[in-house]
Amino acid sequence: MSNKKSGQSVSSPIALLRNMQLAAQENPLFQVEVESRREAFVGFSLCGTDYLAPLASVPEIIRIPENFVPVPGVKKWMAGLANVRGALLPLVDFQQFLCQQSVHLSSAARVLVIDHADLRTGLIVPMAHGLIYLDSMEQLTGEGESIRAEERDWKLLDMEWLVTNQDFRQAAT
């Protein structure tokens, strides 16, 4: 086999692939920097504050299910249950839980599906900002309360606190 462009002779498809791989490795356009120190978070707003939740604890963000069912005899912040792809998902009005203000179920509202420890729950928030990447945790300001990223100050949601919080775990009135 002959490579007419470079004038070199290549004896097999394997040799041709090897040559292409070597050429790509030498080309700076194809070199990718791996940033192992970057951490991914989901950004969202509630109670007038911007929060970050670790992406590892939020496997998905969904729209508010149209036909979730309220559950009688529960606290005000327990919005109800929804069937999400064949599995029941408890829905929590997270703003009501944290600051006693119900989320307005607008088109911007989202459900952050959290899966942390033994708890899988949907947190209804007024707005999700998507993924926020931080270089390690070096962007902490103050005493770990605020993180500066994307031209905003964010508070880090402590998932361990949330899933072990007795009020959160006891939705029954």
Foldseek 3Di string as FASTA:
>chain_A
DADVVVRHDDDDPVSVVVVVVVVLVVDPVNDDDDQPQKFKWWWADAPRAIATEGCVFQVDKAQDDPDFDQDPQFDPQFRGWDQDVNDIATEGQVNCVPPNDGADRDRQWMWRFGDDDPDTHTYIGNHIPGMFMDRHQVQADDPQQWGQGPNHTYGYDDVVCQVVPPCNVGGGD
